[in-house]
Amino acid sequence: FAYPKDIRKAIYTTNAIESLNMSLRKVIKNKRVFPSDDSV
């Protein structure tokens, strides 16, 4: 609330990283089980 309304959404949501996570999940779903930490 201390910031201009135009920028508030960028601050109060993790949408930026959730969008990244969504893209990563699409890739990860093909790997049911990873054989090691390094493979992740």
PDB file of all heavy atoms in Angstrom:
ATOM      1  N   PHE A   1       0.816  -1.217   0.000  1.00  0.00           N
ATOM      2  CA  PHE A   1       0.000   0.000   0.000  1.00  0.00           C
ATOM      3  C   PHE A   1       0.851   1.269   0.000  1.00  0.00           C
ATOM      4  O   PHE A   1       0.355   2.357  -0.309  1.00  0.00           O
ATOM      5  CB  PHE A   1      -0.940   0.018   1.208  1.00  0.00           C
ATOM      6  CG  PHE A   1      -2.173  -0.815   1.024  1.00  0.00           C
ATOM      7  CD1 PHE A   1      -2.347  -1.996   1.733  1.00  0.00           C
ATOM      8  CD2 PHE A   1      -3.176  -0.427   0.137  1.00  0.00           C
ATOM      9  CE1 PHE A   1      -3.485  -2.773   1.562  1.00  0.00           C
ATOM     10  CE2 PHE A   1      -4.312  -1.195  -0.035  1.00  0.00           C
ATOM     11  CZ  PHE A   1      -4.473  -2.376   0.668  1.00  0.00           C
ATOM     12  N   ALA A   2       2.126   1.143   0.317  1.00  0.00           N
ATOM     13  CA  ALA A   2       3.006   2.312   0.342  1.00  0.00           C
ATOM     14  C   ALA A   2       3.455   2.729  -1.061  1.00  0.00           C
ATOM     15  O   ALA A   2       4.117   3.756  -1.209  1.00  0.00           O
ATOM     16  CB  ALA A   2       4.234   2.016   1.201  1.00  0.00           C
ATOM     17  N   TYR A   3       3.074   1.956  -2.082  1.00  0.00           N
ATOM     18  CA  TYR A   3       3.567   2.196  -3.436  1.00  0.00           C
ATOM     19  C   TYR A   3       2.428   2.557  -4.387  1.00  0.00           C
ATOM     20  O   TYR A   3       1.254   2.294  -4.102  1.00  0.00           O
ATOM     21  CB  TYR A   3       4.322   0.960  -3.930  1.00  0.00           C
ATOM     22  CG  TYR A   3       5.520   0.667  -3.071  1.00  0.00           C
ATOM     23  CD1 TYR A   3       5.415  -0.199  -1.978  1.00  0.00           C
ATOM     24  CD2 TYR A   3       6.733   1.299  -3.308  1.00  0.00           C
ATOM     25  CE1 TYR A   3       6.507  -0.439  -1.148  1.00  0.00           C
ATOM     26  CE2 TYR A   3       7.825   1.062  -2.492  1.00  0.00           C
ATOM     27  CZ  TYR A   3       7.705   0.201  -1.420  1.00  0.00           C
ATOM     28  OH  TYR A   3       8.773  -0.006  -0.601  1.00  0.00           O
ATOM     29  N   PRO A   4       2.755   3.161  -5.528  1.00  0.00           N
ATOM     30  CA  PRO A   4       1.718   3.549  -6.501  1.00  0.00           C
ATOM     31  C   PRO A   4       0.889   2.338  -6.944  1.00  0.00           C
ATOM     32  O   PRO A   4       1.405   1.217  -7.028  1.00  0.00           O
ATOM     33  CB  PRO A   4       2.533   4.117  -7.674  1.00  0.00           C
ATOM     34  CG  PRO A   4       3.839   4.517  -7.086  1.00  0.00           C
ATOM     35  CD  PRO A   4       4.109   3.555  -5.977  1.00  0.00           C
ATOM     36  N   LYS A   5      -0.361   2.582  -7.264  1.00  0.00           N
ATOM     37  CA  LYS A   5      -1.267   1.497  -7.613  1.00  0.00           C
ATOM     38  C   LYS A   5      -0.790   0.731  -8.841  1.00  0.00           C
ATOM     39  O   LYS A   5      -1.018  -0.483  -8.954  1.00  0.00           O
ATOM     40  CB  LYS A   5      -2.684   2.045  -7.849  1.00  0.00           C
ATOM     41  CG  LYS A   5      -3.330   2.627  -6.607  1.00  0.00           C
ATOM     42  CD  LYS A   5      -4.781   2.997  -6.829  1.00  0.00           C
ATOM     43  CE  LYS A   5      -5.655   1.751  -6.922  1.00  0.00           C
ATOM     44  NZ  LYS A   5      -7.100   2.093  -6.966  1.00  0.00           N
ATOM     45  N   ASP A   6      -0.116   1.419  -9.772  1.00  0.00           N
ATOM     46  CA  ASP A   6       0.323   0.754 -10.995  1.00  0.00           C
ATOM     47  C   ASP A   6       1.326  -0.369 -10.737  1.00  0.00           C
ATOM     48  O   ASP A   6       1.435  -1.290 -11.543  1.00  0.00           O
ATOM     49  CB  ASP A   6       0.962   1.774 -11.954  1.00  0.00           C
ATOM     50  CG  ASP A   6      -0.079   2.687 -12.582  1.00  0.00           C
ATOM     51  OD1 ASP A   6      -1.261   2.302 -12.590  1.00  0.00           O
ATOM     52  OD2 ASP A   6       0.288   3.778 -13.059  1.00  0.00           O
ATOM     53  N   ILE A   7       2.068  -0.261  -9.648  1.00  0.00           N
ATOM     54  CA  ILE A   7       3.106  -1.240  -9.378  1.00  0.00           C
ATOM     55  C   ILE A   7       2.714  -2.235  -8.299  1.00  0.00           C
ATOM     56  O   ILE A   7       3.404  -3.226  -8.054  1.00  0.00           O
ATOM     57  CB  ILE A   7       4.435  -0.522  -8.993  1.00  0.00           C
ATOM     58  CG1 ILE A   7       5.643  -1.471  -9.131  1.00  0.00           C
ATOM     59  CG2 ILE A   7       4.354   0.030  -7.582  1.00  0.00           C
ATOM     60  CD1 ILE A   7       5.944  -1.864 -10.537  1.00  0.00           C
ATOM     61  N   ARG A   8       1.587  -2.020  -7.657  1.00  0.00           N
ATOM     62  CA  ARG A   8       1.233  -2.848  -6.499  1.00  0.00           C
ATOM     63  C   ARG A   8       1.122  -4.328  -6.832  1.00  0.00           C
ATOM     64  O   ARG A   8       1.563  -5.181  -6.066  1.00  0.00           O
ATOM     65  CB  ARG A   8      -0.071  -2.353  -5.880  1.00  0.00           C
ATOM     66  CG  ARG A   8       0.070  -1.047  -5.132  1.00  0.00           C
ATOM     67  CD  ARG A   8      -1.258  -0.618  -4.526  1.00  0.00           C
ATOM     68  NE  ARG A   8      -1.146   0.683  -3.872  1.00  0.00           N
ATOM     69  CZ  ARG A   8      -2.154   1.306  -3.286  1.00  0.00           C
ATOM     70  NH1 ARG A   8      -3.360   0.750  -3.267  1.00  0.00           N
ATOM     71  NH2 ARG A   8      -1.973   2.483  -2.719  1.00  0.00           N
ATOM     72  N   LYS A   9       0.509  -4.634  -7.968  1.00  0.00           N
ATOM     73  CA  LYS A   9       0.297  -6.045  -8.303  1.00  0.00           C
ATOM     74  C   LYS A   9       1.617  -6.793  -8.450  1.00  0.00           C
ATOM     75  O   LYS A   9       1.726  -7.971  -8.105  1.00  0.00           O
ATOM     76  CB  LYS A   9      -0.532  -6.181  -9.585  1.00  0.00           C
ATOM     77  CG  LYS A   9      -1.024  -7.588  -9.833  1.00  0.00           C
ATOM     78  CD  LYS A   9      -1.999  -7.650 -11.001  1.00  0.00           C
ATOM     79  CE  LYS A   9      -2.508  -9.062 -11.197  1.00  0.00           C
ATOM     80  NZ  LYS A   9      -3.454  -9.169 -12.333  1.00  0.00           N
ATOM     81  N   ALA A  10       2.616  -6.105  -8.979  1.00  0.00           N
ATOM     82  CA  ALA A  10       3.933  -6.733  -9.120  1.00  0.00           C
ATOM     83  C   ALA A  10       4.542  -7.036  -7.762  1.00  0.00           C
ATOM     84  O   ALA A  10       5.371  -7.936  -7.626  1.00  0.00           O
ATOM     85  CB  ALA A  10       4.864  -5.824  -9.915  1.00  0.00           C
ATOM     86  N   ILE A  11       4.130  -6.279  -6.736  1.00  0.00           N
ATOM     87  CA  ILE A  11       4.669  -6.460  -5.397  1.00  0.00           C
ATOM     88  C   ILE A  11       3.889  -7.494  -4.605  1.00  0.00           C
ATOM     89  O   ILE A  11       4.468  -8.347  -3.929  1.00  0.00           O
ATOM     90  CB  ILE A  11       4.681  -5.109  -4.634  1.00  0.00           C
ATOM     91  CG1 ILE A  11       5.613  -4.117  -5.335  1.00  0.00           C
ATOM     92  CG2 ILE A  11       5.091  -5.303  -3.178  1.00  0.00           C
ATOM     93  CD1 ILE A  11       5.547  -2.711  -4.756  1.00  0.00           C
ATOM     94  N   TYR A  12       2.556  -7.450  -4.683  1.00  0.00           N
ATOM     95  CA  TYR A  12       1.784  -8.298  -3.772  1.00  0.00           C
ATOM     96  C   TYR A  12       1.453  -9.688  -4.308  1.00  0.00           C
ATOM     97  O   TYR A  12       0.754 -10.442  -3.648  1.00  0.00           O
ATOM     98  CB  TYR A  12       0.507  -7.589  -3.299  1.00  0.00           C
ATOM     99  CG  TYR A  12      -0.624  -7.421  -4.301  1.00  0.00           C
ATOM    100  CD1 TYR A  12      -1.266  -8.507  -4.870  1.00  0.00           C
ATOM    101  CD2 TYR A  12      -1.087  -6.137  -4.620  1.00  0.00           C
ATOM    102  CE1 TYR A  12      -2.322  -8.339  -5.752  1.00  0.00           C
ATOM    103  CE2 TYR A  12      -2.146  -5.965  -5.495  1.00  0.00           C
ATOM    104  CZ  TYR A  12      -2.762  -7.076  -6.056  1.00  0.00           C
ATOM    105  OH  TYR A  12      -3.820  -6.909  -6.918  1.00  0.00           O
ATOM    106  N   THR A  13       1.937 -10.041  -5.484  1.00  0.00           N
ATOM    107  CA  THR A  13       1.740 -11.407  -5.961  1.00  0.00           C
ATOM    108  C   THR A  13       3.084 -12.000  -6.364  1.00  0.00           C
ATOM    109  O   THR A  13       4.014 -11.273  -6.735  1.00  0.00           O
ATOM    110  CB  THR A  13       0.811 -11.486  -7.189  1.00  0.00           C
ATOM    111  OG1 THR A  13       1.530 -11.087  -8.352  1.00  0.00           O
ATOM    112  CG2 THR A  13      -0.406 -10.606  -7.023  1.00  0.00           C
ATOM    113  N   THR A  14       3.153 -13.302  -6.282  1.00  0.00           N
ATOM    114  CA  THR A  14       4.342 -14.017  -6.777  1.00  0.00           C
ATOM    115  C   THR A  14       4.097 -14.511  -8.204  1.00  0.00           C
ATOM    116  O   THR A  14       4.669 -15.500  -8.642  1.00  0.00           O
ATOM    117  CB  THR A  14       4.689 -15.210  -5.864  1.00  0.00           C
ATOM    118  OG1 THR A  14       3.518 -16.036  -5.725  1.00  0.00           O
ATOM    119  CG2 THR A  14       5.174 -14.759  -4.518  1.00  0.00           C
ATOM    120  N   ASN A  15       3.233 -13.792  -8.951  1.00  0.00           N
ATOM    121  CA  ASN A  15       2.899 -14.225 -10.308  1.00  0.00           C
ATOM    122  C   ASN A  15       4.132 -14.385 -11.192  1.00  0.00           C
ATOM    123  O   ASN A  15       4.186 -15.265 -12.042  1.00  0.00           O
ATOM    124  CB  ASN A  15       1.939 -13.221 -10.967  1.00  0.00           C
ATOM    125  CG  ASN A  15       0.511 -13.413 -10.486  1.00  0.00           C
ATOM    126  OD1 ASN A  15       0.229 -14.325  -9.720  1.00  0.00           O
ATOM    127  ND2 ASN A  15      -0.377 -12.541 -10.932  1.00  0.00           N
ATOM    128  N   ALA A  16       5.114 -13.502 -11.003  1.00  0.00           N
ATOM    129  CA  ALA A  16       6.315 -13.556 -11.836  1.00  0.00           C
ATOM    130  C   ALA A  16       7.009 -14.899 -11.694  1.00  0.00           C
ATOM    131  O   ALA A  16       7.372 -15.539 -12.685  1.00  0.00           O
ATOM    132  CB  ALA A  16       7.268 -12.426 -11.453  1.00  0.00           C
ATOM    133  N   ILE A  17       7.185 -15.350 -10.460  1.00  0.00           N
ATOM    134  CA  ILE A  17       7.869 -16.623 -10.265  1.00  0.00           C
ATOM    135  C   ILE A  17       6.919 -17.801 -10.474  1.00  0.00           C
ATOM    136  O   ILE A  17       7.331 -18.887 -10.866  1.00  0.00           O
ATOM    137  CB  ILE A  17       8.541 -16.686  -8.874  1.00  0.00           C
ATOM    138  CG1 ILE A  17       9.617 -17.768  -8.866  1.00  0.00           C
ATOM    139  CG2 ILE A  17       7.520 -16.906  -7.759  1.00  0.00           C
ATOM    140  CD1 ILE A  17      10.557 -17.688  -7.691  1.00  0.00           C
ATOM    141  N   GLU A  18       5.612 -17.587 -10.235  1.00  0.00           N
ATOM    142  CA  GLU A  18       4.655 -18.665 -10.508  1.00  0.00           C
ATOM    143  C   GLU A  18       4.593 -18.960 -12.000  1.00  0.00           C
ATOM    144  O   GLU A  18       4.420 -20.105 -12.419  1.00  0.00           O
ATOM    145  CB  GLU A  18       3.268 -18.297  -9.978  1.00  0.00           C
ATOM    146  CG  GLU A  18       3.120 -18.513  -8.488  1.00  0.00           C
ATOM    147  CD  GLU A  18       1.663 -18.511  -8.049  1.00  0.00           C
ATOM    148  OE1 GLU A  18       0.804 -18.893  -8.847  1.00  0.00           O
ATOM    149  OE2 GLU A  18       1.403 -18.150  -6.915  1.00  0.00           O
ATOM    150  N   SER A  19       4.713 -17.937 -12.832  1.00  0.00           N
ATOM    151  CA  SER A  19       4.741 -18.143 -14.272  1.00  0.00           C
ATOM    152  C   SER A  19       5.958 -18.971 -14.660  1.00  0.00           C
ATOM    153  O   SER A  19       5.870 -19.877 -15.500  1.00  0.00           O
ATOM    154  CB  SER A  19       4.787 -16.787 -14.984  1.00  0.00           C
ATOM    155  OG  SER A  19       4.921 -16.953 -16.367  1.00  0.00           O
ATOM    156  N   LEU A  20       7.099 -18.679 -14.034  1.00  0.00           N
ATOM    157  CA  LEU A  20       8.298 -19.475 -14.259  1.00  0.00           C
ATOM    158  C   LEU A  20       8.068 -20.915 -13.812  1.00  0.00           C
ATOM    159  O   LEU A  20       8.392 -21.870 -14.525  1.00  0.00           O
ATOM    160  CB  LEU A  20       9.480 -18.863 -13.499  1.00  0.00           C
ATOM    161  CG  LEU A  20      10.761 -19.696 -13.426  1.00  0.00           C
ATOM    162  CD1 LEU A  20      11.340 -19.919 -14.810  1.00  0.00           C
ATOM    163  CD2 LEU A  20      11.785 -19.021 -12.514  1.00  0.00           C
ATOM    164  N   ASN A  21       7.488 -21.070 -12.618  1.00  0.00           N
ATOM    165  CA  ASN A  21       7.231 -22.413 -12.095  1.00  0.00           C
ATOM    166  C   ASN A  21       6.295 -23.209 -13.002  1.00  0.00           C
ATOM    167  O   ASN A  21       6.467 -24.418 -13.190  1.00  0.00           O
ATOM    168  CB  ASN A  21       6.647 -22.327 -10.690  1.00  0.00           C
ATOM    169  CG  ASN A  21       7.687 -21.973  -9.646  1.00  0.00           C
ATOM    170  OD1 ASN A  21       8.876 -21.896  -9.966  1.00  0.00           O
ATOM    171  ND2 ASN A  21       7.265 -21.750  -8.421  1.00  0.00           N
ATOM    172  N   MET A  22       5.292 -22.535 -13.548  1.00  0.00           N
ATOM    173  CA  MET A  22       4.354 -23.217 -14.436  1.00  0.00           C
ATOM    174  C   MET A  22       5.086 -23.770 -15.663  1.00  0.00           C
ATOM    175  O   MET A  22       4.847 -24.903 -16.094  1.00  0.00           O
ATOM    176  CB  MET A  22       3.249 -22.253 -14.869  1.00  0.00           C
ATOM    177  CG  MET A  22       2.134 -22.914 -15.666  1.00  0.00           C
ATOM    178  SD  MET A  22       0.875 -21.715 -16.187  1.00  0.00           S
ATOM    179  CE  MET A  22       0.325 -21.106 -14.585  1.00  0.00           C
ATOM    180  N   SER A  23       5.980 -22.958 -16.220  1.00  0.00           N
ATOM    181  CA  SER A  23       6.762 -23.401 -17.376  1.00  0.00           C
ATOM    182  C   SER A  23       7.669 -24.562 -17.001  1.00  0.00           C
ATOM    183  O   SER A  23       7.826 -25.525 -17.767  1.00  0.00           O
ATOM    184  CB  SER A  23       7.593 -22.241 -17.931  1.00  0.00           C
ATOM    185  OG  SER A  23       6.777 -21.187 -18.372  1.00  0.00           O
ATOM    186  N   LEU A  24       8.264 -24.491 -15.814  1.00  0.00           N
ATOM    187  CA  LEU A  24       9.145 -25.570 -15.365  1.00  0.00           C
ATOM    188  C   LEU A  24       8.361 -26.852 -15.106  1.00  0.00           C
ATOM    189  O   LEU A  24       8.848 -27.948 -15.389  1.00  0.00           O
ATOM    190  CB  LEU A  24       9.894 -25.144 -14.106  1.00  0.00           C
ATOM    191  CG  LEU A  24      10.967 -24.068 -14.288  1.00  0.00           C
ATOM    192  CD1 LEU A  24      11.534 -23.646 -12.944  1.00  0.00           C
ATOM    193  CD2 LEU A  24      12.084 -24.559 -15.203  1.00  0.00           C
ATOM    194  N   ARG A  25       7.154 -26.716 -14.570  1.00  0.00           N
ATOM    195  CA  ARG A  25       6.342 -27.917 -14.297  1.00  0.00           C
ATOM    196  C   ARG A  25       5.998 -28.662 -15.582  1.00  0.00           C
ATOM    197  O   ARG A  25       5.911 -29.895 -15.589  1.00  0.00           O
ATOM    198  CB  ARG A  25       5.071 -27.537 -13.543  1.00  0.00           C
ATOM    199  CG  ARG A  25       5.308 -27.189 -12.078  1.00  0.00           C
ATOM    200  CD  ARG A  25       3.996 -27.038 -11.317  1.00  0.00           C
ATOM    201  NE  ARG A  25       4.248 -26.616  -9.953  1.00  0.00           N
ATOM    202  CZ  ARG A  25       4.153 -25.373  -9.520  1.00  0.00           C
ATOM    203  NH1 ARG A  25       3.799 -24.410 -10.370  1.00  0.00           N
ATOM    204  NH2 ARG A  25       4.400 -25.072  -8.267  1.00  0.00           N
ATOM    205  N   LYS A  26       5.785 -27.918 -16.665  1.00  0.00           N
ATOM    206  CA  LYS A  26       5.502 -28.564 -17.945  1.00  0.00           C
ATOM    207  C   LYS A  26       6.673 -29.441 -18.378  1.00  0.00           C
ATOM    208  O   LYS A  26       6.481 -30.482 -19.008  1.00  0.00           O
ATOM    209  CB  LYS A  26       5.223 -27.500 -19.011  1.00  0.00           C
ATOM    210  CG  LYS A  26       3.910 -26.768 -18.827  1.00  0.00           C
ATOM    211  CD  LYS A  26       3.731 -25.704 -19.906  1.00  0.00           C
ATOM    212  CE  LYS A  26       2.437 -24.929 -19.698  1.00  0.00           C
ATOM    213  NZ  LYS A  26       2.269 -23.838 -20.709  1.00  0.00           N
ATOM    214  N   VAL A  27       7.879 -28.984 -18.061  1.00  0.00           N
ATOM    215  CA  VAL A  27       9.073 -29.754 -18.403  1.00  0.00           C
ATOM    216  C   VAL A  27       9.243 -30.928 -17.442  1.00  0.00           C
ATOM    217  O   VAL A  27       9.530 -32.053 -17.853  1.00  0.00           O
ATOM    218  CB  VAL A  27      10.321 -28.842 -18.363  1.00  0.00           C
ATOM    219  CG1 VAL A  27      11.586 -29.651 -18.561  1.00  0.00           C
ATOM    220  CG2 VAL A  27      10.204 -27.754 -19.417  1.00  0.00           C
ATOM    221  N   ILE A  28       9.039 -30.669 -16.153  1.00  0.00           N
ATOM    222  CA  ILE A  28       9.287 -31.672 -15.121  1.00  0.00           C
ATOM    223  C   ILE A  28       8.311 -32.842 -15.203  1.00  0.00           C
ATOM    224  O   ILE A  28       8.652 -33.971 -14.847  1.00  0.00           O
ATOM    225  CB  ILE A  28       9.226 -31.015 -13.725  1.00  0.00           C
ATOM    226  CG1 ILE A  28      10.451 -30.112 -13.521  1.00  0.00           C
ATOM    227  CG2 ILE A  28       9.155 -32.053 -12.611  1.00  0.00           C
ATOM    228  CD1 ILE A  28      10.367 -29.251 -12.279  1.00  0.00           C
ATOM    229  N   LYS A  29       7.082 -32.596 -15.696  1.00  0.00           N
ATOM    230  CA  LYS A  29       6.065 -33.656 -15.686  1.00  0.00           C
ATOM    231  C   LYS A  29       6.495 -34.873 -16.502  1.00  0.00           C
ATOM    232  O   LYS A  29       6.006 -35.983 -16.268  1.00  0.00           O
ATOM    233  CB  LYS A  29       4.736 -33.122 -16.200  1.00  0.00           C
ATOM    234  CG  LYS A  29       4.687 -32.828 -17.691  1.00  0.00           C
ATOM    235  CD  LYS A  29       3.301 -32.351 -18.109  1.00  0.00           C
ATOM    236  CE  LYS A  29       3.250 -32.090 -19.620  1.00  0.00           C
ATOM    237  NZ  LYS A  29       1.913 -31.615 -20.042  1.00  0.00           N
ATOM    238  N   ASN A  30       7.409 -34.674 -17.460  1.00  0.00           N
ATOM    239  CA  ASN A  30       7.907 -35.811 -18.235  1.00  0.00           C
ATOM    240  C   ASN A  30       8.862 -36.681 -17.431  1.00  0.00           C
ATOM    241  O   ASN A  30       9.152 -37.807 -17.828  1.00  0.00           O
ATOM    242  CB  ASN A  30       8.618 -35.320 -19.502  1.00  0.00           C
ATOM    243  CG  ASN A  30       7.670 -34.638 -20.468  1.00  0.00           C
ATOM    244  OD1 ASN A  30       6.542 -35.068 -20.639  1.00  0.00           O
ATOM    245  ND2 ASN A  30       8.129 -33.564 -21.103  1.00  0.00           N
ATOM    246  N   LYS A  31       9.359 -36.135 -16.328  1.00  0.00           N
ATOM    247  CA  LYS A  31      10.291 -36.875 -15.467  1.00  0.00           C
ATOM    248  C   LYS A  31       9.537 -37.306 -14.214  1.00  0.00           C
ATOM    249  O   LYS A  31       9.436 -36.552 -13.249  1.00  0.00           O
ATOM    250  CB  LYS A  31      11.473 -35.978 -15.073  1.00  0.00           C
ATOM    251  CG  LYS A  31      12.314 -35.516 -16.237  1.00  0.00           C
ATOM    252  CD  LYS A  31      13.355 -36.550 -16.582  1.00  0.00           C
ATOM    253  CE  LYS A  31      14.365 -35.993 -17.582  1.00  0.00           C
ATOM    254  NZ  LYS A  31      15.368 -36.978 -17.961  1.00  0.00           N
ATOM    255  N   ARG A  32       9.028 -38.506 -14.201  1.00  0.00           N
ATOM    256  CA  ARG A  32       8.264 -38.947 -13.033  1.00  0.00           C
ATOM    257  C   ARG A  32       9.142 -38.995 -11.793  1.00  0.00           C
ATOM    258  O   ARG A  32       8.745 -38.576 -10.719  1.00  0.00           O
ATOM    259  CB  ARG A  32       7.651 -40.322 -13.310  1.00  0.00           C
ATOM    260  CG  ARG A  32       6.606 -40.310 -14.419  1.00  0.00           C
ATOM    261  CD  ARG A  32       5.992 -41.686 -14.618  1.00  0.00           C
ATOM    262  NE  ARG A  32       5.032 -41.679 -15.701  1.00  0.00           N
ATOM    263  CZ  ARG A  32       5.333 -41.885 -16.977  1.00  0.00           C
ATOM    264  NH1 ARG A  32       6.606 -42.116 -17.311  1.00  0.00           N
ATOM    265  NH2 ARG A  32       4.418 -41.871 -17.914  1.00  0.00           N
ATOM    266  N   VAL A  33      10.350 -39.541 -11.965  1.00  0.00           N
ATOM    267  CA  VAL A  33      11.298 -39.636 -10.849  1.00  0.00           C
ATOM    268  C   VAL A  33      12.684 -39.272 -11.370  1.00  0.00           C
ATOM    269  O   VAL A  33      13.130 -39.800 -12.393  1.00  0.00           O
ATOM    270  CB  VAL A  33      11.327 -41.055 -10.246  1.00  0.00           C
ATOM    271  CG1 VAL A  33      12.365 -41.130  -9.122  1.00  0.00           C
ATOM    272  CG2 VAL A  33       9.952 -41.459  -9.730  1.00  0.00           C
ATOM    273  N   PHE A  34      13.360 -38.372 -10.670  1.00  0.00           N
ATOM    274  CA  PHE A  34      14.730 -38.012 -11.035  1.00  0.00           C
ATOM    275  C   PHE A  34      15.702 -38.999 -10.378  1.00  0.00           C
ATOM    276  O   PHE A  34      15.543 -39.329  -9.205  1.00  0.00           O
ATOM    277  CB  PHE A  34      15.056 -36.592 -10.570  1.00  0.00           C
ATOM    278  CG  PHE A  34      14.393 -35.518 -11.379  1.00  0.00           C
ATOM    279  CD1 PHE A  34      13.121 -35.067 -11.062  1.00  0.00           C
ATOM    280  CD2 PHE A  34      15.034 -34.964 -12.476  1.00  0.00           C
ATOM    281  CE1 PHE A  34      12.499 -34.073 -11.809  1.00  0.00           C
ATOM    282  CE2 PHE A  34      14.423 -33.969 -13.235  1.00  0.00           C
ATOM    283  CZ  PHE A  34      13.155 -33.527 -12.899  1.00  0.00           C
ATOM    284  N   PRO A  35      16.724 -39.440 -11.114  1.00  0.00           N
ATOM    285  CA  PRO A  35      17.663 -40.408 -10.538  1.00  0.00           C
ATOM    286  C   PRO A  35      18.608 -39.825  -9.493  1.00  0.00           C
ATOM    287  O   PRO A  35      19.185 -40.559  -8.693  1.00  0.00           O
ATOM    288  CB  PRO A  35      18.443 -40.912 -11.761  1.00  0.00           C
ATOM    289  CG  PRO A  35      18.345 -39.795 -12.755  1.00  0.00           C
ATOM    290  CD  PRO A  35      17.001 -39.173 -12.533  1.00  0.00           C
ATOM    291  N   SER A  36      18.782 -38.502  -9.489  1.00  0.00           N
ATOM    292  CA  SER A  36      19.719 -37.879  -8.545  1.00  0.00           C
ATOM    293  C   SER A  36      19.412 -36.392  -8.417  1.00  0.00           C
ATOM    294  O   SER A  36      18.665 -35.820  -9.221  1.00  0.00           O
ATOM    295  CB  SER A  36      21.164 -38.053  -9.045  1.00  0.00           C
ATOM    296  OG  SER A  36      21.342 -37.334 -10.261  1.00  0.00           O
ATOM    297  N   ASP A  37      20.025 -35.767  -7.407  1.00  0.00           N
ATOM    298  CA  ASP A  37      19.880 -34.313  -7.239  1.00  0.00           C
ATOM    299  C   ASP A  37      20.452 -33.563  -8.440  1.00  0.00           C
ATOM    300  O   ASP A  37      19.864 -32.579  -8.912  1.00  0.00           O
ATOM    301  CB  ASP A  37      20.597 -33.854  -5.965  1.00  0.00           C
ATOM    302  CG  ASP A  37      19.911 -34.341  -4.695  1.00  0.00           C
ATOM    303  OD1 ASP A  37      18.830 -34.960  -4.803  1.00  0.00           O
ATOM    304  OD2 ASP A  37      20.459 -34.102  -3.604  1.00  0.00           O
ATOM    305  N   ASP A  38      21.602 -34.041  -8.945  1.00  0.00           N
ATOM    306  CA  ASP A  38      22.226 -33.367 -10.083  1.00  0.00           C
ATOM    307  C   ASP A  38      21.319 -33.359 -11.304  1.00  0.00           C
ATOM    308  O   ASP A  38      21.301 -32.395 -12.068  1.00  0.00           O
ATOM    309  CB  ASP A  38      23.558 -34.043 -10.440  1.00  0.00           C
ATOM    310  CG  ASP A  38      24.710 -33.570  -9.568  1.00  0.00           C
ATOM    311  OD1 ASP A  38      24.504 -32.608  -8.794  1.00  0.00           O
ATOM    312  OD2 ASP A  38      25.800 -34.150  -9.649  1.00  0.00           O
ATOM    313  N   SER A  39      20.579 -34.445 -11.515  1.00  0.00           N
ATOM    314  CA  SER A  39      19.694 -34.503 -12.675  1.00  0.00           C
ATOM    315  C   SER A  39      18.591 -33.449 -12.570  1.00  0.00           C
ATOM    316  O   SER A  39      18.141 -32.905 -13.583  1.00  0.00           O
ATOM    317  CB  SER A  39      19.092 -35.899 -12.821  1.00  0.00           C
ATOM    318  OG  SER A  39      18.248 -36.219 -11.731  1.00  0.00           O
ATOM    319  N   VAL A  40      18.161 -33.136 -11.355  1.00  0.00           N
ATOM    320  CA  VAL A  40      17.165 -32.077 -11.151  1.00  0.00           C
ATOM    321  C   VAL A  40      17.762 -30.723 -11.534  1.00  0.00           C
ATOM    322  O   VAL A  40      17.163 -29.943 -12.287  1.00  0.00           O
ATOM    323  CB  VAL A  40      16.688 -32.036  -9.685  1.00  0.00           C
ATOM    324  CG1 VAL A  40      15.669 -30.915  -9.495  1.00  0.00           C
ATOM    325  CG2 VAL A  40      16.079 -33.363  -9.270  1.00  0.00           C
TER     326      VAL A  40
END
